[in-house]
C-alpha atoms as a PDB file:
ATOM      1  CA  MET A   1      20.959  51.683  20.299  1.00  0.00           C
ATOM      2  CA  ILE A   2      23.595  51.029  17.671  1.00  0.00           C
ATOM      3  CA  ASP A   3      24.341  47.354  16.952  1.00  0.00           C
ATOM      4  CA  SER A   4      27.734  45.875  17.745  1.00  0.00           C
ATOM      5  CA  VAL A   5      29.114  44.781  14.362  1.00  0.00           C
ATOM      6  CA  THR A   6      31.510  41.856  13.889  1.00  0.00           C
ATOM      7  CA  ARG A   7      33.135  41.362  10.510  1.00  0.00           C
ATOM      8  CA  ILE A   8      34.331  37.888   9.518  1.00  0.00           C
ATOM      9  CA  THR A   9      35.607  36.242   6.344  1.00  0.00           C
ATOM     10  CA  LEU A  10      34.703  32.644   5.556  1.00  0.00           C
ATOM     11  CA  ASN A  11      36.671  30.755   2.927  1.00  0.00           C
ATOM     12  CA  LEU A  12      34.333  28.478   0.956  1.00  0.00           C
ATOM     13  CA  GLN A  13      37.291  26.130   0.355  1.00  0.00           C
ATOM     14  CA  ASP A  14      37.589  25.345   4.090  1.00  0.00           C
ATOM     15  CA  THR A  15      35.275  22.824   5.721  1.00  0.00           C
ATOM     16  CA  ASN A  16      36.129  24.102   9.193  1.00  0.00           C
ATOM     17  CA  THR A  17      37.312  27.493  10.279  1.00  0.00           C
ATOM     18  CA  LEU A  18      38.957  28.981  13.334  1.00  0.00           C
ATOM     19  CA  VAL A  19      36.520  31.919  13.308  1.00  0.00           C
ATOM     20  CA  CYS A  20      34.785  32.293  16.659  1.00  0.00           C
ATOM     21  CA  VAL A  21      32.216  34.960  17.441  1.00  0.00           C
ATOM     22  CA  LYS A  22      31.468  35.554  21.107  1.00  0.00           C
ATOM     23  CA  ALA A  23      28.105  36.728  22.448  1.00  0.00           C
ATOM     24  CA  LYS A  24      26.213  36.454  25.699  1.00  0.00           C
ATOM     25  CA  ARG A  25      22.853  34.870  26.296  1.00  0.00           C
ATOM     26  CA  GLY A  26      20.062  37.230  25.284  1.00  0.00           C
ATOM     27  CA  ASP A  27      22.176  39.482  23.038  1.00  0.00           C
ATOM     28  CA  THR A  28      20.050  40.932  20.255  1.00  0.00           C
ATOM     29  CA  GLY A  29      22.069  44.062  19.490  1.00  0.00           C
ATOM     30  CA  ARG A  30      24.694  42.265  17.450  1.00  0.00           C
ATOM     31  CA  LYS A  31      25.182  41.970  13.718  1.00  0.00           C
ATOM     32  CA  LEU A  32      27.533  39.811  11.630  1.00  0.00           C
ATOM     33  CA  LEU A  33      28.948  41.087   8.355  1.00  0.00           C
ATOM     34  CA  ILE A  34      30.208  38.021   6.540  1.00  0.00           C
ATOM     35  CA  HIS A  35      32.552  38.225   3.576  1.00  0.00           C
ATOM     36  CA  LEU A  36      32.821  35.024   1.539  1.00  0.00           C
ATOM     37  CA  SER A  37      35.969  34.069  -0.306  1.00  0.00           C
ATOM     38  CA  ASP A  38      36.898  31.297  -2.725  1.00  0.00           C
ATOM     39  CA  GLY A  39      40.438  30.637  -1.628  1.00  0.00           C
ATOM     40  CA  SER A  40      42.054  34.069  -1.506  1.00  0.00           C
ATOM     41  CA  ILE A  41      39.594  35.627  -3.997  1.00  0.00           C
ATOM     42  CA  PRO A  42      36.404  37.376  -2.850  1.00  0.00           C
ATOM     43  CA  TYR A  43      33.407  35.221  -3.803  1.00  0.00           C
ATOM     44  CA  PRO A  44      31.003  37.151  -6.079  1.00  0.00           C
ATOM     45  CA  ILE A  45      27.413  36.742  -4.859  1.00  0.00           C
ATOM     46  CA  ALA A  46      25.005  36.888  -7.781  1.00  0.00           C
ATOM     47  CA  PRO A  47      22.029  39.271  -7.468  1.00  0.00           C
ATOM     48  CA  ASP A  48      19.544  36.368  -7.593  1.00  0.00           C
ATOM     49  CA  CYS A  49      21.087  34.575  -4.582  1.00  0.00           C
ATOM     50  CA  TYR A  50      19.766  34.519  -1.040  1.00  0.00           C
ATOM     51  CA  ALA A  51      21.525  33.538   2.185  1.00  0.00           C
ATOM     52  CA  VAL A  52      20.401  31.668   5.286  1.00  0.00           C
ATOM     53  CA  PHE A  53      22.146  31.585   8.677  1.00  0.00           C
ATOM     54  CA  THR A  54      21.877  28.095  10.169  1.00  0.00           C
ATOM     55  CA  ALA A  55      23.048  27.006  13.592  1.00  0.00           C
ATOM     56  CA  ARG A  56      22.885  24.000  15.886  1.00  0.00           C
ATOM     57  CA  LYS A  57      22.568  24.978  19.530  1.00  0.00           C
ATOM     58  CA  SER A  58      24.100  23.097  22.443  1.00  0.00           C
ATOM     59  CA  ASP A  59      20.614  21.761  23.352  1.00  0.00           C
ATOM     60  CA  GLY A  60      20.271  20.231  19.857  1.00  0.00           C
ATOM     61  CA  THR A  61      17.767  22.694  18.433  1.00  0.00           C
ATOM     62  CA  ARG A  62      18.443  24.291  15.067  1.00  0.00           C
ATOM     63  CA  LEU A  63      18.067  27.825  13.779  1.00  0.00           C
ATOM     64  CA  HIS A  64      17.342  28.893  10.208  1.00  0.00           C
ATOM     65  CA  HIS A  65      17.200  32.656   9.697  1.00  0.00           C
ATOM     66  CA  PRO A  66      17.313  34.618   6.448  1.00  0.00           C
ATOM     67  CA  CYS A  67      20.183  37.054   5.925  1.00  0.00           C
ATOM     68  CA  GLY A  68      20.480  40.221   3.932  1.00  0.00           C
ATOM     69  CA  ILE A  69      23.041  40.646   1.161  1.00  0.00           C
ATOM     70  CA  GLU A  70      24.443  44.090   0.392  1.00  0.00           C
ATOM     71  CA  ASN A  71      27.535  44.943  -1.659  1.00  0.00           C
ATOM     72  CA  ASN A  72      28.632  41.279  -1.737  1.00  0.00           C
ATOM     73  CA  VAL A  73      28.422  41.006   2.083  1.00  0.00           C
ATOM     74  CA  VAL A  74      26.077  38.633   3.924  1.00  0.00           C
ATOM     75  CA  ILE A  75      24.411  40.395   6.870  1.00  0.00           C
ATOM     76  CA  TYR A  76      22.972  38.516   9.832  1.00  0.00           C
ATOM     77  CA  ALA A  77      21.283  40.327  12.727  1.00  0.00           C
ATOM     78  CA  PHE A  78      21.069  38.339  15.971  1.00  0.00           C
ATOM     79  CA  THR A  79      17.560  37.429  17.121  1.00  0.00           C
ATOM     80  CA  GLU A  80      16.315  36.420  20.574  1.00  0.00           C
ATOM     81  CA  GLN A  81      16.713  32.786  19.554  1.00  0.00           C
ATOM     82  CA  THR A  82      20.339  33.130  18.405  1.00  0.00           C
ATOM     83  CA  CYS A  83      21.678  33.283  21.957  1.00  0.00           C
ATOM     84  CA  ALA A  84      18.750  31.758  23.871  1.00  0.00           C
ATOM     85  CA  ALA A  85      20.604  28.586  24.917  1.00  0.00           C
ATOM     86  CA  VAL A  86      23.792  28.539  26.967  1.00  0.00           C
ATOM     87  CA  GLY A  87      26.782  27.013  25.148  1.00  0.00           C
ATOM     88  CA  ALA A  88      28.366  27.038  21.725  1.00  0.00           C
ATOM     89  CA  LEU A  89      26.499  27.303  18.447  1.00  0.00           C
ATOM     90  CA  HIS A  90      27.844  25.610  15.342  1.00  0.00           C
ATOM     91  CA  CYS A  91      26.955  28.013  12.546  1.00  0.00           C
ATOM     92  CA  GLU A  92      27.031  28.004   8.752  1.00  0.00           C
ATOM     93  CA  ILE A  93      25.949  30.292   5.960  1.00  0.00           C
ATOM     94  CA  LYS A  94      23.999  28.650   3.156  1.00  0.00           C
ATOM     95  CA  LEU A  95      23.951  30.532  -0.128  1.00  0.00           C
ATOM     96  CA  TYR A  96      21.169  29.545  -2.523  1.00  0.00           C
ATOM     97  CA  GLY A  97      20.985  30.441  -6.212  1.00  0.00           C
ATOM     98  CA  SER A  98      17.801  30.896  -8.215  1.00  0.00           C
ATOM     99  CA  ASP A  99      18.806  27.713 -10.072  1.00  0.00           C
ATOM    100  CA  ARG A 100      18.410  25.823  -6.734  1.00  0.00           C
ATOM    101  CA  ARG A 101      22.178  25.336  -6.385  1.00  0.00           C
ATOM    102  CA  LEU A 102      23.658  25.570  -2.902  1.00  0.00           C
ATOM    103  CA  ILE A 103      27.018  26.532  -1.415  1.00  0.00           C
ATOM    104  CA  THR A 104      27.569  26.099   2.321  1.00  0.00           C
ATOM    105  CA  SER A 105      30.349  27.779   4.288  1.00  0.00           C
ATOM    106  CA  GLY A 106      32.466  25.896   6.768  1.00  0.00           C
ATOM    107  CA  CYS A 107      31.296  25.826  10.376  1.00  0.00           C
ATOM    108  CA  PHE A 108      32.159  28.744  12.586  1.00  0.00           C
END
């Protein structure tokens, strides 16, 4: 099966965003391609950075899943836990540098 791919852009200057990604409970064939921007300029992701998808589920549990980074795009593939609980997830992308610095996207 080929994954359903959703492309979104998150502005690192915004603390909240109007981006909403819809999925149904149990979906595992979905992938997010996340472009980061700094205002209107694409944010350059250094080669030594790594990204983590974090989410708070409606039942209060939290997810922390590693993401891939290719060609300056953060890639997150849904897991069984991503859509295990019914309700909205409040998600963020955390970008870590090798110097232990952190940049967090706004919630989506």
